[in-house]
C-alpha atoms as a PDB file:
ATOM      1  CA  MET A   1     142.785 122.515  65.759  1.00  0.00           C
ATOM      2  CA  ASN A   2     140.354 124.677  63.804  1.00  0.00           C
ATOM      3  CA  THR A   3     136.704 124.164  64.150  1.00  0.00           C
ATOM      4  CA  PRO A   4     134.175 125.283  61.624  1.00  0.00           C
ATOM      5  CA  ARG A   5     131.827 128.117  62.607  1.00  0.00           C
ATOM      6  CA  PRO A   6     128.247 127.242  63.265  1.00  0.00           C
ATOM      7  CA  PRO A   7     126.018 127.838  60.270  1.00  0.00           C
ATOM      8  CA  HIS A   8     123.962 130.487  62.018  1.00  0.00           C
ATOM      9  CA  ALA A   9     126.905 132.550  63.195  1.00  0.00           C
ATOM     10  CA  GLY A  10     126.921 135.874  61.538  1.00  0.00           C
ATOM     11  CA  PRO A  11     127.759 139.514  62.412  1.00  0.00           C
ATOM     12  CA  ASP A  12     124.401 140.082  64.037  1.00  0.00           C
ATOM     13  CA  ARG A  13     124.269 136.920  66.005  1.00  0.00           C
ATOM     14  CA  GLY A  14     126.036 138.386  69.063  1.00  0.00           C
ATOM     15  CA  HIS A  15     123.503 141.155  69.286  1.00  0.00           C
ATOM     16  CA  GLU A  16     120.612 138.599  68.865  1.00  0.00           C
ATOM     17  CA  ASP A  17     122.053 136.524  71.683  1.00  0.00           C
ATOM     18  CA  TRP A  18     122.321 139.594  73.947  1.00  0.00           C
ATOM     19  CA  LEU A  19     118.770 140.671  73.132  1.00  0.00           C
ATOM     20  CA  ALA A  20     117.479 137.165  73.882  1.00  0.00           C
ATOM     21  CA  GLN A  21     119.223 137.099  77.245  1.00  0.00           C
ATOM     22  CA  GLU A  22     117.947 140.467  78.184  1.00  0.00           C
ATOM     23  CA  THR A  23     114.351 139.564  77.213  1.00  0.00           C
ATOM     24  CA  ALA A  24     114.591 136.347  79.263  1.00  0.00           C
ATOM     25  CA  LEU A  25     115.906 138.305  82.252  1.00  0.00           C
ATOM     26  CA  SER A  26     113.280 140.922  82.120  1.00  0.00           C
ATOM     27  CA  ARG A  27     110.392 138.421  81.740  1.00  0.00           C
ATOM     28  CA  ALA A  28     111.568 136.028  84.462  1.00  0.00           C
ATOM     29  CA  ALA A  29     108.713 133.754  85.435  1.00  0.00           C
ATOM     30  CA  ASP A  30     110.163 132.563  88.618  1.00  0.00           C
ATOM     31  CA  PRO A  31     110.503 135.440  91.269  1.00  0.00           C
ATOM     32  CA  ARG A  32     113.922 134.133  92.215  1.00  0.00           C
ATOM     33  CA  ASP A  33     115.152 134.670  88.672  1.00  0.00           C
ATOM     34  CA  ALA A  34     113.852 138.223  88.680  1.00  0.00           C
ATOM     35  CA  LEU A  35     115.457 138.903  91.922  1.00  0.00           C
ATOM     36  CA  LEU A  36     118.755 137.498  90.586  1.00  0.00           C
ATOM     37  CA  ALA A  37     118.417 139.538  87.417  1.00  0.00           C
ATOM     38  CA  ARG A  38     117.874 142.755  89.425  1.00  0.00           C
ATOM     39  CA  ALA A  39     120.886 141.922  91.643  1.00  0.00           C
ATOM     40  CA  LEU A  40     123.086 141.290  88.565  1.00  0.00           C
ATOM     41  CA  ARG A  41     122.094 144.599  86.960  1.00  0.00           C
ATOM     42  CA  ALA A  42     122.721 146.720  90.097  1.00  0.00           C
ATOM     43  CA  GLN A  43     126.122 147.840  91.147  1.00  0.00           C
ATOM     44  CA  PRO A  44     127.363 146.465  94.589  1.00  0.00           C
ATOM     45  CA  ARG A  45     126.528 148.852  97.386  1.00  0.00           C
ATOM     46  CA  SER A  46     129.808 148.375  99.122  1.00  0.00           C
ATOM     47  CA  ARG A  47     133.215 147.059  98.240  1.00  0.00           C
ATOM     48  CA  PRO A  48     134.745 144.036  99.960  1.00  0.00           C
ATOM     49  CA  PRO A  49     137.243 144.790 102.744  1.00  0.00           C
ATOM     50  CA  ALA A  50     140.774 145.542 101.645  1.00  0.00           C
ATOM     51  CA  ASP A  51     142.081 142.325 103.255  1.00  0.00           C
ATOM     52  CA  PHE A  52     139.207 140.119 102.056  1.00  0.00           C
ATOM     53  CA  ALA A  53     141.356 137.827  99.858  1.00  0.00           C
ATOM     54  CA  ASP A  54     144.055 137.416 102.626  1.00  0.00           C
ATOM     55  CA  THR A  55     141.227 136.656 105.204  1.00  0.00           C
ATOM     56  CA  VAL A  56     139.648 133.935 103.041  1.00  0.00           C
ATOM     57  CA  LEU A  57     143.079 132.459 102.238  1.00  0.00           C
ATOM     58  CA  ARG A  58     143.954 132.227 105.953  1.00  0.00           C
ATOM     59  CA  ARG A  59     140.545 130.485 106.739  1.00  0.00           C
ATOM     60  CA  VAL A  60     141.045 128.033 103.954  1.00  0.00           C
ATOM     61  CA  GLN A  61     144.730 127.203 104.917  1.00  0.00           C
ATOM     62  CA  ALA A  62     143.682 126.705 108.606  1.00  0.00           C
ATOM     63  CA  ARG A  63     140.870 124.339 107.548  1.00  0.00           C
ATOM     64  CA  VAL A  64     143.177 122.439 105.237  1.00  0.00           C
ATOM     65  CA  ARG A  65     145.880 122.249 107.934  1.00  0.00           C
ATOM     66  CA  ILE A  66     143.390 120.774 110.371  1.00  0.00           C
ATOM     67  CA  ASP A  67     141.937 118.398 107.837  1.00  0.00           C
ATOM     68  CA  THR A  68     145.313 117.054 106.783  1.00  0.00           C
ATOM     69  CA  ARG A  69     146.436 116.532 110.396  1.00  0.00           C
ATOM     70  CA  HIS A  70     143.249 114.447 111.063  1.00  0.00           C
ATOM     71  CA  ASP A  71     143.739 112.581 107.806  1.00  0.00           C
ATOM     72  CA  ALA A  72     147.378 111.783 108.640  1.00  0.00           C
ATOM     73  CA  ARG A  73     146.471 110.541 112.054  1.00  0.00           C
ATOM     74  CA  PHE A  74     143.688 108.350 110.707  1.00  0.00           C
ATOM     75  CA  GLU A  75     145.924 106.966 107.961  1.00  0.00           C
ATOM     76  CA  ARG A  76     148.692 106.228 110.460  1.00  0.00           C
ATOM     77  CA  ALA A  77     146.241 104.408 112.842  1.00  0.00           C
ATOM     78  CA  LEU A  78     144.785 102.509 109.898  1.00  0.00           C
ATOM     79  CA  ILE A  79     148.242 101.392 108.624  1.00  0.00           C
ATOM     80  CA  ASN A  80     149.321 100.305 112.148  1.00  0.00           C
ATOM     81  CA  GLY A  81     146.063  98.390 112.513  1.00  0.00           C
ATOM     82  CA  LEU A  82     146.524  96.636 109.220  1.00  0.00           C
ATOM     83  CA  MET A  83     150.213  95.730 110.135  1.00  0.00           C
ATOM     84  CA  VAL A  84     149.006  94.261 113.472  1.00  0.00           C
ATOM     85  CA  LEU A  85     146.327  92.229 111.568  1.00  0.00           C
ATOM     86  CA  LEU A  86     148.896  91.038 109.130  1.00  0.00           C
ATOM     87  CA  ALA A  87     151.272  89.980 111.809  1.00  0.00           C
ATOM     88  CA  LEU A  88     148.429  88.115 113.625  1.00  0.00           C
ATOM     89  CA  CYS A  89     147.509  86.321 110.362  1.00  0.00           C
ATOM     90  CA  ALA A  90     151.171  85.435 109.866  1.00  0.00           C
ATOM     91  CA  LEU A  91     151.405  84.110 113.400  1.00  0.00           C
ATOM     92  CA  GLY A  92     148.209  82.135 112.950  1.00  0.00           C
ATOM     93  CA  ALA A  93     149.523  80.503 109.751  1.00  0.00           C
ATOM     94  CA  LEU A  94     152.702  79.616 111.510  1.00  0.00           C
ATOM     95  CA  VAL A  95     150.743  77.993 114.406  1.00  0.00           C
ATOM     96  CA  LEU A  96     148.437  76.192 111.940  1.00  0.00           C
ATOM     97  CA  TYR A  97     150.968  74.870 109.546  1.00  0.00           C
ATOM     98  CA  GLY A  98     153.949  74.482 111.847  1.00  0.00           C
ATOM     99  CA  GLY A  99     157.293  73.881 110.126  1.00  0.00           C
ATOM    100  CA  GLN A 100     155.666  73.110 106.757  1.00  0.00           C
ATOM    101  CA  TRP A 101     155.501  76.737 105.648  1.00  0.00           C
ATOM    102  CA  TRP A 102     159.287  76.958 105.164  1.00  0.00           C
ATOM    103  CA  ALA A 103     159.327  73.838 102.985  1.00  0.00           C
ATOM    104  CA  TRP A 104     156.442  75.250 100.922  1.00  0.00           C
ATOM    105  CA  THR A 105     158.192  78.582 100.616  1.00  0.00           C
ATOM    106  CA  THR A 106     161.489  76.956  99.601  1.00  0.00           C
ATOM    107  CA  GLN A 107     159.575  74.891  97.034  1.00  0.00           C
ATOM    108  CA  ALA A 108     157.721  77.848  95.588  1.00  0.00           C
ATOM    109  CA  LEU A 109     160.639  80.187  95.357  1.00  0.00           C
ATOM    110  CA  GLY A 110     163.629  77.999  95.162  1.00  0.00           C
ATOM    111  CA  GLY A 111     166.216  77.608  97.979  1.00  0.00           C
ATOM    112  CA  ASP A 112     168.208  80.734  97.284  1.00  0.00           C
ATOM    113  CA  ALA A 113     165.248  82.978  96.716  1.00  0.00           C
ATOM    114  CA  ALA A 114     163.641  81.823  99.963  1.00  0.00           C
ATOM    115  CA  GLN A 115     166.785  82.583 101.856  1.00  0.00           C
ATOM    116  CA  TRP A 116     166.930  86.113 100.206  1.00  0.00           C
ATOM    117  CA  ALA A 117     163.348  86.719 101.001  1.00  0.00           C
ATOM    118  CA  ALA A 118     163.913  85.767 104.677  1.00  0.00           C
ATOM    119  CA  ALA A 119     166.988  88.106 104.763  1.00  0.00           C
ATOM    120  CA  GLY A 120     164.838  91.017 103.226  1.00  0.00           C
ATOM    121  CA  ILE A 121     161.993  90.384 105.733  1.00  0.00           C
ATOM    122  CA  ALA A 122     164.615  90.455 108.597  1.00  0.00           C
ATOM    123  CA  CYS A 123     166.046  93.733 107.370  1.00  0.00           C
ATOM    124  CA  LEU A 124     162.497  95.289 107.088  1.00  0.00           C
ATOM    125  CA  GLY A 125     161.697  94.084 110.564  1.00  0.00           C
ATOM    126  CA  LEU A 126     165.042  95.531 111.952  1.00  0.00           C
ATOM    127  CA  SER A 127     164.455  98.847 110.254  1.00  0.00           C
ATOM    128  CA  ALA A 128     160.813  99.069 111.647  1.00  0.00           C
ATOM    129  CA  GLY A 129     162.060  98.144 115.058  1.00  0.00           C
ATOM    130  CA  LEU A 130     164.821 100.741 115.103  1.00  0.00           C
ATOM    131  CA  ARG A 131     162.394 103.376 113.779  1.00  0.00           C
ATOM    132  CA  ALA A 132     159.911 102.546 116.578  1.00  0.00           C
ATOM    133  CA  ALA A 133     162.678 102.686 119.189  1.00  0.00           C
ATOM    134  CA  LEU A 134     163.922 106.125 117.949  1.00  0.00           C
ATOM    135  CA  SER A 135     160.341 107.401 118.009  1.00  0.00           C
ATOM    136  CA  ILE A 136     159.786 106.191 121.603  1.00  0.00           C
ATOM    137  CA  ALA A 137     163.205 107.668 122.609  1.00  0.00           C
ATOM    138  CA  ARG A 138     162.295 111.004 121.154  1.00  0.00           C
ATOM    139  CA  GLN A 139     159.003 111.126 123.098  1.00  0.00           C
ATOM    140  CA  ASP A 140     160.810 110.442 126.317  1.00  0.00           C
ATOM    141  CA  VAL A 141     163.203 113.478 125.877  1.00  0.00           C
ATOM    142  CA  PRO A 142     161.908 116.554 127.855  1.00  0.00           C
ATOM    143  CA  GLN A 143     160.923 119.514 125.665  1.00  0.00           C
ATOM    144  CA  ALA A 144     163.610 121.767 127.160  1.00  0.00           C
ATOM    145  CA  LEU A 145     166.400 119.394 125.841  1.00  0.00           C
ATOM    146  CA  ALA A 146     164.792 118.508 122.489  1.00  0.00           C
END
């Protein structure tokens, strides 16, 4: 997309901008601005170490690795806590409503849909149970055999 040039842009405009910036830097009212202007005009006294970029990269990667491990543990604990809360609420509803919940579910979803929903829930429970059993079994294996 083409944009029109500003009306004040001309061949001398770049030079005028540069002069305005230099004037502002040389007449800095705030001492911090003057210090910054001097630092920007001066050449660095020393060069960064040859492995500076690698060192910074390693530090950042280590920090990210630590943060993601903590985040993953917190997220896993939060999910587990919410699943326990959901199971307790379901158990409470079962105790409170007794056998009426299945009749309500069948009425709301239809007979076949309610049976398929029950089969799906059973499959999910079986899958989660097997995954938990495998996880526990892996933790019991000595490190030399793993």
